[in-house]
Amino acid sequence: FSMDGDIAPLREICQLAQKYDALVFIDECHATGFLGPNG
């Protein structure tokens, strides 16, 4: 989230999505290219 620099709790979100048989969609405009070991 761009205004506060917060990172979504994706692990927990994905666990809930799996529990309820849902797909997960993420907007990565403020993460692509630099977050994660390989960006």
Full PDB file with SEQRES, HELIX, SHEET, SSBOND, CRYST1, ORIGX, SCALE, CONECT and MASTER records, all heavy atoms in Angstrom:
SEQRES   1 A   39  PHE SER MET ASP GLY ASP ILE ALA PRO LEU ARG GLU ILE          
SEQRES   2 A   39  CYS GLN LEU ALA GLN LYS TYR ASP ALA LEU VAL PHE ILE          
SEQRES   3 A   39  ASP GLU CYS HIS ALA THR GLY PHE LEU GLY PRO ASN GLY          
HELIX    1 AA1 LEU A   10  LYS A   19  1                                  10    
CRYST1    1.000    1.000    1.000  90.00  90.00  90.00 P 1           1          
ORIGX1      1.000000  0.000000  0.000000        0.00000                         
ORIGX2      0.000000  1.000000  0.000000        0.00000                         
ORIGX3      0.000000  0.000000  1.000000        0.00000                         
SCALE1      1.000000  0.000000  0.000000        0.00000                         
SCALE2      0.000000  1.000000  0.000000        0.00000                         
SCALE3      0.000000  0.000000  1.000000        0.00000                         
ATOM      1  N   PHE A   1       0.850  -1.193   0.000  1.00  0.00           N  
ATOM      2  CA  PHE A   1       0.000   0.000   0.000  1.00  0.00           C  
ATOM      3  C   PHE A   1       0.888   1.247   0.000  1.00  0.00           C  
ATOM      4  O   PHE A   1       1.727   1.440   0.879  1.00  0.00           O  
ATOM      5  CB  PHE A   1      -0.925  -0.018   1.209  1.00  0.00           C  
ATOM      6  CG  PHE A   1      -1.930  -1.134   1.158  1.00  0.00           C  
ATOM      7  CD1 PHE A   1      -1.605  -2.395   1.644  1.00  0.00           C  
ATOM      8  CD2 PHE A   1      -3.182  -0.946   0.598  1.00  0.00           C  
ATOM      9  CE1 PHE A   1      -2.520  -3.438   1.585  1.00  0.00           C  
ATOM     10  CE2 PHE A   1      -4.096  -1.988   0.526  1.00  0.00           C  
ATOM     11  CZ  PHE A   1      -3.763  -3.233   1.030  1.00  0.00           C  
ATOM     12  N   SER A   2       0.663   2.096  -1.004  1.00  0.00           N  
ATOM     13  CA  SER A   2       1.637   3.141  -1.318  1.00  0.00           C  
ATOM     14  C   SER A   2       1.700   4.270  -0.305  1.00  0.00           C  
ATOM     15  O   SER A   2       2.747   4.893  -0.139  1.00  0.00           O  
ATOM     16  CB  SER A   2       1.338   3.720  -2.700  1.00  0.00           C  
ATOM     17  OG  SER A   2       0.068   4.361  -2.717  1.00  0.00           O  
ATOM     18  N   MET A   3       0.608   4.579   0.371  1.00  0.00           N  
ATOM     19  CA  MET A   3       0.634   5.770   1.221  1.00  0.00           C  
ATOM     20  C   MET A   3       1.351   5.534   2.549  1.00  0.00           C  
ATOM     21  O   MET A   3       1.990   6.422   3.080  1.00  0.00           O  
ATOM     22  CB  MET A   3      -0.801   6.258   1.467  1.00  0.00           C  
ATOM     23  CG  MET A   3      -0.879   7.698   1.950  1.00  0.00           C  
ATOM     24  SD  MET A   3       0.000   8.880   0.892  1.00  0.00           S  
ATOM     25  CE  MET A   3      -0.962   8.791  -0.614  1.00  0.00           C  
ATOM     26  N   ASP A   4       1.249   4.309   3.075  1.00  0.00           N  
ATOM     27  CA  ASP A   4       1.878   4.017   4.364  1.00  0.00           C  
ATOM     28  C   ASP A   4       3.056   3.062   4.258  1.00  0.00           C  
ATOM     29  O   ASP A   4       3.742   2.817   5.245  1.00  0.00           O  
ATOM     30  CB  ASP A   4       0.853   3.429   5.336  1.00  0.00           C  
ATOM     31  CG  ASP A   4      -0.134   4.474   5.838  1.00  0.00           C  
ATOM     32  OD1 ASP A   4       0.323   5.518   6.328  1.00  0.00           O  
ATOM     33  OD2 ASP A   4      -1.346   4.255   5.718  1.00  0.00           O  
ATOM     34  N   GLY A   5       3.277   2.482   3.073  1.00  0.00           N  
ATOM     35  CA  GLY A   5       4.364   1.523   2.937  1.00  0.00           C  
ATOM     36  C   GLY A   5       4.052   0.187   3.599  1.00  0.00           C  
ATOM     37  O   GLY A   5       4.959  -0.597   3.874  1.00  0.00           O  
ATOM     38  N   ASP A   6       2.763  -0.062   3.855  1.00  0.00           N  
ATOM     39  CA  ASP A   6       2.363  -1.329   4.477  1.00  0.00           C  
ATOM     40  C   ASP A   6       2.353  -2.454   3.442  1.00  0.00           C  
ATOM     41  O   ASP A   6       2.053  -2.226   2.263  1.00  0.00           O  
ATOM     42  CB  ASP A   6       0.965  -1.215   5.091  1.00  0.00           C  
ATOM     43  CG  ASP A   6       0.953  -0.319   6.312  1.00  0.00           C  
ATOM     44  OD1 ASP A   6       2.010  -0.207   6.965  1.00  0.00           O  
ATOM     45  OD2 ASP A   6      -0.097   0.268   6.607  1.00  0.00           O  
ATOM     46  N   ILE A   7       2.640  -3.662   3.883  1.00  0.00           N  
ATOM     47  CA  ILE A   7       2.617  -4.836   3.016  1.00  0.00           C  
ATOM     48  C   ILE A   7       1.462  -5.733   3.442  1.00  0.00           C  
ATOM     49  O   ILE A   7       1.281  -6.012   4.627  1.00  0.00           O  
ATOM     50  CB  ILE A   7       3.961  -5.583   3.088  1.00  0.00           C  
ATOM     51  CG1 ILE A   7       5.076  -4.689   2.534  1.00  0.00           C  
ATOM     52  CG2 ILE A   7       3.898  -6.909   2.327  1.00  0.00           C  
ATOM     53  CD1 ILE A   7       6.469  -5.222   2.745  1.00  0.00           C  
ATOM     54  N   ALA A   8       0.668  -6.170   2.471  1.00  0.00           N  
ATOM     55  CA  ALA A   8      -0.506  -6.987   2.775  1.00  0.00           C  
ATOM     56  C   ALA A   8      -0.095  -8.315   3.414  1.00  0.00           C  
ATOM     57  O   ALA A   8       0.945  -8.880   3.058  1.00  0.00           O  
ATOM     58  CB  ALA A   8      -1.297  -7.259   1.501  1.00  0.00           C  
ATOM     59  N   PRO A   9      -0.907  -8.840   4.344  1.00  0.00           N  
ATOM     60  CA  PRO A   9      -0.626 -10.155   4.954  1.00  0.00           C  
ATOM     61  C   PRO A   9      -0.998 -11.283   3.998  1.00  0.00           C  
ATOM     62  O   PRO A   9      -1.977 -12.013   4.202  1.00  0.00           O  
ATOM     63  CB  PRO A   9      -1.502 -10.142   6.209  1.00  0.00           C  
ATOM     64  CG  PRO A   9      -2.665  -9.278   5.829  1.00  0.00           C  
ATOM     65  CD  PRO A   9      -2.115  -8.212   4.916  1.00  0.00           C  
ATOM     66  N   LEU A  10      -0.210 -11.436   2.940  1.00  0.00           N  
ATOM     67  CA  LEU A  10      -0.577 -12.356   1.857  1.00  0.00           C  
ATOM     68  C   LEU A  10      -0.629 -13.810   2.301  1.00  0.00           C  
ATOM     69  O   LEU A  10      -1.435 -14.589   1.786  1.00  0.00           O  
ATOM     70  CB  LEU A  10       0.399 -12.214   0.686  1.00  0.00           C  
ATOM     71  CG  LEU A  10       0.136 -11.078  -0.304  1.00  0.00           C  
ATOM     72  CD1 LEU A  10       1.112 -11.165  -1.455  1.00  0.00           C  
ATOM     73  CD2 LEU A  10      -1.291 -11.120  -0.820  1.00  0.00           C  
ATOM     74  N   ARG A  11       0.233 -14.201   3.232  1.00  0.00           N  
ATOM     75  CA  ARG A  11       0.193 -15.596   3.691  1.00  0.00           C  
ATOM     76  C   ARG A  11      -1.184 -15.923   4.260  1.00  0.00           C  
ATOM     77  O   ARG A  11      -1.786 -16.947   3.920  1.00  0.00           O  
ATOM     78  CB  ARG A  11       1.276 -15.840   4.747  1.00  0.00           C  
ATOM     79  CG  ARG A  11       2.704 -15.761   4.221  1.00  0.00           C  
ATOM     80  CD  ARG A  11       3.686 -16.327   5.247  1.00  0.00           C  
ATOM     81  NE  ARG A  11       5.069 -16.072   4.871  1.00  0.00           N  
ATOM     82  CZ  ARG A  11       5.814 -15.091   5.366  1.00  0.00           C  
ATOM     83  NH1 ARG A  11       5.316 -14.273   6.280  1.00  0.00           N  
ATOM     84  NH2 ARG A  11       7.062 -14.939   4.969  1.00  0.00           N  
ATOM     85  N   GLU A  12      -1.669 -15.056   5.129  1.00  0.00           N  
ATOM     86  CA  GLU A  12      -2.967 -15.290   5.755  1.00  0.00           C  
ATOM     87  C   GLU A  12      -4.091 -15.196   4.735  1.00  0.00           C  
ATOM     88  O   GLU A  12      -5.066 -15.964   4.774  1.00  0.00           O  
ATOM     89  CB  GLU A  12      -3.188 -14.277   6.886  1.00  0.00           C  
ATOM     90  CG  GLU A  12      -2.275 -14.469   8.079  1.00  0.00           C  
ATOM     91  CD  GLU A  12      -0.883 -13.849   7.886  1.00  0.00           C  
ATOM     92  OE1 GLU A  12      -0.621 -13.300   6.794  1.00  0.00           O  
ATOM     93  OE2 GLU A  12      -0.073 -13.905   8.825  1.00  0.00           O  
ATOM     94  N   ILE A  13      -3.975 -14.230   3.800  1.00  0.00           N  
ATOM     95  CA  ILE A  13      -4.991 -14.080   2.761  1.00  0.00           C  
ATOM     96  C   ILE A  13      -5.068 -15.346   1.908  1.00  0.00           C  
ATOM     97  O   ILE A  13      -6.153 -15.848   1.601  1.00  0.00           O  
ATOM     98  CB  ILE A  13      -4.693 -12.844   1.894  1.00  0.00           C  
ATOM     99  CG1 ILE A  13      -4.975 -11.566   2.692  1.00  0.00           C  
ATOM    100  CG2 ILE A  13      -5.510 -12.851   0.608  1.00  0.00           C  
ATOM    101  CD1 ILE A  13      -4.524 -10.291   2.002  1.00  0.00           C  
ATOM    102  N   CYS A  14      -3.905 -15.865   1.531  1.00  0.00           N  
ATOM    103  CA  CYS A  14      -3.876 -17.073   0.698  1.00  0.00           C  
ATOM    104  C   CYS A  14      -4.432 -18.293   1.443  1.00  0.00           C  
ATOM    105  O   CYS A  14      -5.090 -19.151   0.844  1.00  0.00           O  
ATOM    106  CB  CYS A  14      -2.456 -17.340   0.205  1.00  0.00           C  
ATOM    107  SG  CYS A  14      -1.879 -16.162  -1.055  1.00  0.00           S  
ATOM    108  N   GLN A  15      -4.179 -18.352   2.751  1.00  0.00           N  
ATOM    109  CA  GLN A  15      -4.723 -19.452   3.539  1.00  0.00           C  
ATOM    110  C   GLN A  15      -6.250 -19.396   3.571  1.00  0.00           C  
ATOM    111  O   GLN A  15      -6.933 -20.422   3.419  1.00  0.00           O  
ATOM    112  CB  GLN A  15      -4.167 -19.395   4.961  1.00  0.00           C  
ATOM    113  CG  GLN A  15      -2.703 -19.809   5.061  1.00  0.00           C  
ATOM    114  CD  GLN A  15      -2.109 -19.528   6.434  1.00  0.00           C  
ATOM    115  OE1 GLN A  15      -2.785 -19.018   7.328  1.00  0.00           O  
ATOM    116  NE2 GLN A  15      -0.839 -19.854   6.600  1.00  0.00           N  
ATOM    117  N   LEU A  16      -6.797 -18.196   3.739  1.00  0.00           N  
ATOM    118  CA  LEU A  16      -8.250 -18.037   3.738  1.00  0.00           C  
ATOM    119  C   LEU A  16      -8.838 -18.357   2.365  1.00  0.00           C  
ATOM    120  O   LEU A  16      -9.888 -18.993   2.259  1.00  0.00           O  
ATOM    121  CB  LEU A  16      -8.629 -16.614   4.146  1.00  0.00           C  
ATOM    122  CG  LEU A  16      -8.553 -16.291   5.642  1.00  0.00           C  
ATOM    123  CD1 LEU A  16      -8.773 -14.810   5.872  1.00  0.00           C  
ATOM    124  CD2 LEU A  16      -9.585 -17.103   6.410  1.00  0.00           C  
ATOM    125  N   ALA A  17      -8.137 -17.898   1.320  1.00  0.00           N  
ATOM    126  CA  ALA A  17      -8.618 -18.157  -0.043  1.00  0.00           C  
ATOM    127  C   ALA A  17      -8.659 -19.657  -0.319  1.00  0.00           C  
ATOM    128  O   ALA A  17      -9.598 -20.169  -0.938  1.00  0.00           O  
ATOM    129  CB  ALA A  17      -7.717 -17.448  -1.053  1.00  0.00           C  
ATOM    130  N   GLN A  18      -7.635 -20.362   0.154  1.00  0.00           N  
ATOM    131  CA  GLN A  18      -7.601 -21.816  -0.044  1.00  0.00           C  
ATOM    132  C   GLN A  18      -8.738 -22.489   0.729  1.00  0.00           C  
ATOM    133  O   GLN A  18      -9.397 -23.400   0.224  1.00  0.00           O  
ATOM    134  CB  GLN A  18      -6.248 -22.358   0.408  1.00  0.00           C  
ATOM    135  CG  GLN A  18      -6.002 -23.801   0.042  1.00  0.00           C  
ATOM    136  CD  GLN A  18      -4.556 -24.212   0.305  1.00  0.00           C  
ATOM    137  OE1 GLN A  18      -3.837 -23.565   1.063  1.00  0.00           O  
ATOM    138  NE2 GLN A  18      -4.128 -25.284  -0.327  1.00  0.00           N  
ATOM    139  N   LYS A  19      -8.986 -22.003   1.946  1.00  0.00           N  
ATOM    140  CA  LYS A  19     -10.045 -22.573   2.778  1.00  0.00           C  
ATOM    141  C   LYS A  19     -11.414 -22.431   2.116  1.00  0.00           C  
ATOM    142  O   LYS A  19     -12.246 -23.349   2.164  1.00  0.00           O  
ATOM    143  CB  LYS A  19     -10.043 -21.892   4.144  1.00  0.00           C  
ATOM    144  CG  LYS A  19     -11.148 -22.367   5.082  1.00  0.00           C  
ATOM    145  CD  LYS A  19     -11.055 -21.645   6.421  1.00  0.00           C  
ATOM    146  CE  LYS A  19     -12.191 -22.078   7.348  1.00  0.00           C  
ATOM    147  NZ  LYS A  19     -12.124 -21.384   8.665  1.00  0.00           N  
ATOM    148  N   TYR A  20     -11.645 -21.264   1.488  1.00  0.00           N  
ATOM    149  CA  TYR A  20     -12.952 -20.983   0.907  1.00  0.00           C  
ATOM    150  C   TYR A  20     -12.975 -21.134  -0.610  1.00  0.00           C  
ATOM    151  O   TYR A  20     -13.892 -20.648  -1.268  1.00  0.00           O  
ATOM    152  CB  TYR A  20     -13.409 -19.574   1.312  1.00  0.00           C  
ATOM    153  CG  TYR A  20     -13.693 -19.469   2.789  1.00  0.00           C  
ATOM    154  CD1 TYR A  20     -12.777 -18.858   3.643  1.00  0.00           C  
ATOM    155  CD2 TYR A  20     -14.865 -20.001   3.325  1.00  0.00           C  
ATOM    156  CE1 TYR A  20     -13.029 -18.778   5.005  1.00  0.00           C  
ATOM    157  CE2 TYR A  20     -15.127 -19.918   4.680  1.00  0.00           C  
ATOM    158  CZ  TYR A  20     -14.201 -19.298   5.521  1.00  0.00           C  
ATOM    159  OH  TYR A  20     -14.459 -19.225   6.868  1.00  0.00           O  
ATOM    160  N   ASP A  21     -11.931 -21.782  -1.152  1.00  0.00           N  
ATOM    161  CA  ASP A  21     -11.869 -22.082  -2.586  1.00  0.00           C  
ATOM    162  C   ASP A  21     -12.020 -20.816  -3.431  1.00  0.00           C  
ATOM    163  O   ASP A  21     -12.853 -20.729  -4.334  1.00  0.00           O  
ATOM    164  CB  ASP A  21     -12.949 -23.100  -2.969  1.00  0.00           C  
ATOM    165  CG  ASP A  21     -12.708 -23.682  -4.357  1.00  0.00           C  
ATOM    166  OD1 ASP A  21     -11.551 -23.664  -4.807  1.00  0.00           O  
ATOM    167  OD2 ASP A  21     -13.688 -24.123  -4.987  1.00  0.00           O  
ATOM    168  N   ALA A  22     -11.192 -19.806  -3.106  1.00  0.00           N  
ATOM    169  CA  ALA A  22     -11.224 -18.532  -3.828  1.00  0.00           C  
ATOM    170  C   ALA A  22      -9.895 -18.297  -4.554  1.00  0.00           C  
ATOM    171  O   ALA A  22      -8.860 -18.860  -4.176  1.00  0.00           O  
ATOM    172  CB  ALA A  22     -11.488 -17.385  -2.860  1.00  0.00           C  
ATOM    173  N   LEU A  23      -9.937 -17.470  -5.591  1.00  0.00           N  
ATOM    174  CA  LEU A  23      -8.732 -17.034  -6.282  1.00  0.00           C  
ATOM    175  C   LEU A  23      -8.183 -15.807  -5.568  1.00  0.00           C  
ATOM    176  O   LEU A  23      -8.924 -15.065  -4.909  1.00  0.00           O  
ATOM    177  CB  LEU A  23      -9.045 -16.688  -7.740  1.00  0.00           C  
ATOM    178  CG  LEU A  23      -9.743 -17.770  -8.575  1.00  0.00           C  
ATOM    179  CD1 LEU A  23     -10.039 -17.230  -9.963  1.00  0.00           C  
ATOM    180  CD2 LEU A  23      -8.892 -19.021  -8.642  1.00  0.00           C  
ATOM    181  N   VAL A  24      -6.879 -15.570  -5.711  1.00  0.00           N  
ATOM    182  CA  VAL A  24      -6.246 -14.388  -5.112  1.00  0.00           C  
ATOM    183  C   VAL A  24      -5.716 -13.492  -6.223  1.00  0.00           C  
ATOM    184  O   VAL A  24      -4.997 -13.940  -7.122  1.00  0.00           O  
ATOM    185  CB  VAL A  24      -5.098 -14.779  -4.156  1.00  0.00           C  
ATOM    186  CG1 VAL A  24      -4.409 -13.522  -3.614  1.00  0.00           C  
ATOM    187  CG2 VAL A  24      -5.623 -15.633  -3.019  1.00  0.00           C  
ATOM    188  N   PHE A  25      -6.091 -12.217  -6.158  1.00  0.00           N  
ATOM    189  CA  PHE A  25      -5.666 -11.192  -7.114  1.00  0.00           C  
ATOM    190  C   PHE A  25      -4.885 -10.137  -6.345  1.00  0.00           C  
ATOM    191  O   PHE A  25      -5.361  -9.637  -5.314  1.00  0.00           O  
ATOM    192  CB  PHE A  25      -6.900 -10.570  -7.775  1.00  0.00           C  
ATOM    193  CG  PHE A  25      -6.638  -9.313  -8.565  1.00  0.00           C  
ATOM    194  CD1 PHE A  25      -6.496  -9.363  -9.936  1.00  0.00           C  
ATOM    195  CD2 PHE A  25      -6.548  -8.079  -7.936  1.00  0.00           C  
ATOM    196  CE1 PHE A  25      -6.269  -8.200 -10.673  1.00  0.00           C  
ATOM    197  CE2 PHE A  25      -6.319  -6.921  -8.646  1.00  0.00           C  
ATOM    198  CZ  PHE A  25      -6.176  -6.981 -10.020  1.00  0.00           C  
ATOM    199  N   ILE A  26      -3.677  -9.781  -6.811  1.00  0.00           N  
ATOM    200  CA  ILE A  26      -2.925  -8.714  -6.142  1.00  0.00           C  
ATOM    201  C   ILE A  26      -2.503  -7.646  -7.147  1.00  0.00           C  
ATOM    202  O   ILE A  26      -2.136  -7.947  -8.283  1.00  0.00           O  
ATOM    203  CB  ILE A  26      -1.685  -9.236  -5.373  1.00  0.00           C  
ATOM    204  CG1 ILE A  26      -0.737 -10.028  -6.265  1.00  0.00           C  
ATOM    205  CG2 ILE A  26      -2.115 -10.057  -4.180  1.00  0.00           C  
ATOM    206  CD1 ILE A  26       0.541 -10.445  -5.547  1.00  0.00           C  
ATOM    207  N   ASP A  27      -2.608  -6.409  -6.712  1.00  0.00           N  
ATOM    208  CA  ASP A  27      -2.100  -5.267  -7.465  1.00  0.00           C  
ATOM    209  C   ASP A  27      -0.687  -4.986  -6.954  1.00  0.00           C  
ATOM    210  O   ASP A  27      -0.489  -4.680  -5.782  1.00  0.00           O  
ATOM    211  CB  ASP A  27      -3.001  -4.050  -7.230  1.00  0.00           C  
ATOM    212  CG  ASP A  27      -2.580  -2.840  -8.046  1.00  0.00           C  
ATOM    213  OD1 ASP A  27      -1.354  -2.602  -8.161  1.00  0.00           O  
ATOM    214  OD2 ASP A  27      -3.455  -2.126  -8.554  1.00  0.00           O  
ATOM    215  N   GLU A  28       0.281  -5.105  -7.843  1.00  0.00           N  
ATOM    216  CA  GLU A  28       1.689  -5.035  -7.465  1.00  0.00           C  
ATOM    217  C   GLU A  28       2.396  -3.774  -7.950  1.00  0.00           C  
ATOM    218  O   GLU A  28       3.614  -3.759  -8.082  1.00  0.00           O  
ATOM    219  CB  GLU A  28       2.425  -6.261  -8.033  1.00  0.00           C  
ATOM    220  CG  GLU A  28       2.108  -7.548  -7.315  1.00  0.00           C  
ATOM    221  CD  GLU A  28       2.795  -7.635  -5.964  1.00  0.00           C  
ATOM    222  OE1 GLU A  28       2.273  -6.996  -5.012  1.00  0.00           O  
ATOM    223  OE2 GLU A  28       3.833  -8.282  -5.835  1.00  0.00           O  
ATOM    224  N   CYS A  29       1.628  -2.711  -8.206  1.00  0.00           N  
ATOM    225  CA  CYS A  29       2.235  -1.494  -8.745  1.00  0.00           C  
ATOM    226  C   CYS A  29       3.330  -0.924  -7.849  1.00  0.00           C  
ATOM    227  O   CYS A  29       4.271  -0.298  -8.334  1.00  0.00           O  
ATOM    228  CB  CYS A  29       1.157  -0.434  -8.982  1.00  0.00           C  
ATOM    229  SG  CYS A  29       0.073  -0.810 -10.369  1.00  0.00           S  
ATOM    230  N   HIS A  30       3.216  -1.140  -6.535  1.00  0.00           N  
ATOM    231  CA  HIS A  30       4.208  -0.616  -5.600  1.00  0.00           C  
ATOM    232  C   HIS A  30       5.074  -1.734  -5.031  1.00  0.00           C  
ATOM    233  O   HIS A  30       5.571  -1.635  -3.900  1.00  0.00           O  
ATOM    234  CB  HIS A  30       3.522   0.166  -4.486  1.00  0.00           C  
ATOM    235  CG  HIS A  30       2.836   1.396  -4.980  1.00  0.00           C  
ATOM    236  ND1 HIS A  30       1.512   1.405  -5.347  1.00  0.00           N  
ATOM    237  CD2 HIS A  30       3.304   2.658  -5.213  1.00  0.00           C  
ATOM    238  CE1 HIS A  30       1.188   2.623  -5.763  1.00  0.00           C  
ATOM    239  NE2 HIS A  30       2.241   3.386  -5.692  1.00  0.00           N  
ATOM    240  N   ALA A  31       5.283  -2.787  -5.830  1.00  0.00           N  
ATOM    241  CA  ALA A  31       6.119  -3.902  -5.385  1.00  0.00           C  
ATOM    242  C   ALA A  31       6.965  -4.488  -6.504  1.00  0.00           C  
ATOM    243  O   ALA A  31       8.074  -4.962  -6.263  1.00  0.00           O  
ATOM    244  CB  ALA A  31       5.241  -5.004  -4.783  1.00  0.00           C  
ATOM    245  N   THR A  32       6.472  -4.430  -7.730  1.00  0.00           N  
ATOM    246  CA  THR A  32       7.185  -5.029  -8.858  1.00  0.00           C  
ATOM    247  C   THR A  32       8.561  -4.398  -9.047  1.00  0.00           C  
ATOM    248  O   THR A  32       8.697  -3.177  -9.096  1.00  0.00           O  
ATOM    249  CB  THR A  32       6.377  -4.846 -10.166  1.00  0.00           C  
ATOM    250  OG1 THR A  32       5.123  -5.499 -10.016  1.00  0.00           O  
ATOM    251  CG2 THR A  32       7.118  -5.435 -11.351  1.00  0.00           C  
ATOM    252  N   GLY A  33       9.566  -5.254  -9.125  1.00  0.00           N  
ATOM    253  CA  GLY A  33      10.911  -4.784  -9.443  1.00  0.00           C  
ATOM    254  C   GLY A  33      11.825  -4.589  -8.257  1.00  0.00           C  
ATOM    255  O   GLY A  33      13.037  -4.449  -8.448  1.00  0.00           O  
ATOM    256  N   PHE A  34      11.272  -4.598  -7.032  1.00  0.00           N  
ATOM    257  CA  PHE A  34      12.156  -4.329  -5.890  1.00  0.00           C  
ATOM    258  C   PHE A  34      11.815  -5.089  -4.618  1.00  0.00           C  
ATOM    259  O   PHE A  34      12.694  -5.318  -3.793  1.00  0.00           O  
ATOM    260  CB  PHE A  34      12.230  -2.827  -5.594  1.00  0.00           C  
ATOM    261  CG  PHE A  34      10.904  -2.166  -5.403  1.00  0.00           C  
ATOM    262  CD1 PHE A  34      10.320  -2.086  -4.155  1.00  0.00           C  
ATOM    263  CD2 PHE A  34      10.229  -1.628  -6.482  1.00  0.00           C  
ATOM    264  CE1 PHE A  34       9.097  -1.484  -3.972  1.00  0.00           C  
ATOM    265  CE2 PHE A  34       8.996  -1.015  -6.320  1.00  0.00           C  
ATOM    266  CZ  PHE A  34       8.432  -0.939  -5.062  1.00  0.00           C  
ATOM    267  N   LEU A  35      10.583  -5.500  -4.413  1.00  0.00           N  
ATOM    268  CA  LEU A  35      10.279  -6.301  -3.228  1.00  0.00           C  
ATOM    269  C   LEU A  35      10.587  -7.769  -3.504  1.00  0.00           C  
ATOM    270  O   LEU A  35      10.363  -8.268  -4.610  1.00  0.00           O  
ATOM    271  CB  LEU A  35       8.815  -6.141  -2.819  1.00  0.00           C  
ATOM    272  CG  LEU A  35       8.428  -4.848  -2.100  1.00  0.00           C  
ATOM    273  CD1 LEU A  35       7.002  -4.944  -1.581  1.00  0.00           C  
ATOM    274  CD2 LEU A  35       9.378  -4.520  -0.956  1.00  0.00           C  
ATOM    275  N   GLY A  36      11.075  -8.453  -2.485  1.00  0.00           N  
ATOM    276  CA  GLY A  36      11.460  -9.851  -2.643  1.00  0.00           C  
ATOM    277  C   GLY A  36      12.928  -9.983  -2.993  1.00  0.00           C  
ATOM    278  O   GLY A  36      13.540  -9.040  -3.505  1.00  0.00           O  
ATOM    279  N   PRO A  37      13.521 -11.142  -2.722  1.00  0.00           N  
ATOM    280  CA  PRO A  37      14.962 -11.338  -2.968  1.00  0.00           C  
ATOM    281  C   PRO A  37      15.385 -11.048  -4.398  1.00  0.00           C  
ATOM    282  O   PRO A  37      16.508 -10.600  -4.644  1.00  0.00           O  
ATOM    283  CB  PRO A  37      15.165 -12.830  -2.625  1.00  0.00           C  
ATOM    284  CG  PRO A  37      14.065 -13.162  -1.672  1.00  0.00           C  
ATOM    285  CD  PRO A  37      12.894 -12.329  -2.107  1.00  0.00           C  
ATOM    286  N   ASN A  38      14.498 -11.299  -5.361  1.00  0.00           N  
ATOM    287  CA  ASN A  38      14.820 -11.067  -6.769  1.00  0.00           C  
ATOM    288  C   ASN A  38      13.970  -9.975  -7.401  1.00  0.00           C  
ATOM    289  O   ASN A  38      13.961  -9.816  -8.619  1.00  0.00           O  
ATOM    290  CB  ASN A  38      14.646 -12.361  -7.564  1.00  0.00           C  
ATOM    291  CG  ASN A  38      15.558 -13.460  -7.073  1.00  0.00           C  
ATOM    292  OD1 ASN A  38      16.773 -13.380  -7.210  1.00  0.00           O  
ATOM    293  ND2 ASN A  38      14.979 -14.495  -6.466  1.00  0.00           N  
ATOM    294  N   GLY A  39      13.261  -9.227  -6.562  1.00  0.00           N  
ATOM    295  CA  GLY A  39      12.437  -8.135  -7.075  1.00  0.00           C  
ATOM    296  C   GLY A  39      11.165  -8.582  -7.759  1.00  0.00           C  
ATOM    297  O   GLY A  39      10.573  -7.814  -8.528  1.00  0.00           O  
TER     298      GLY A  39                                                      
MASTER        0    0    0    1    0    0    0    6  297    1    0    3          
END                                                                             
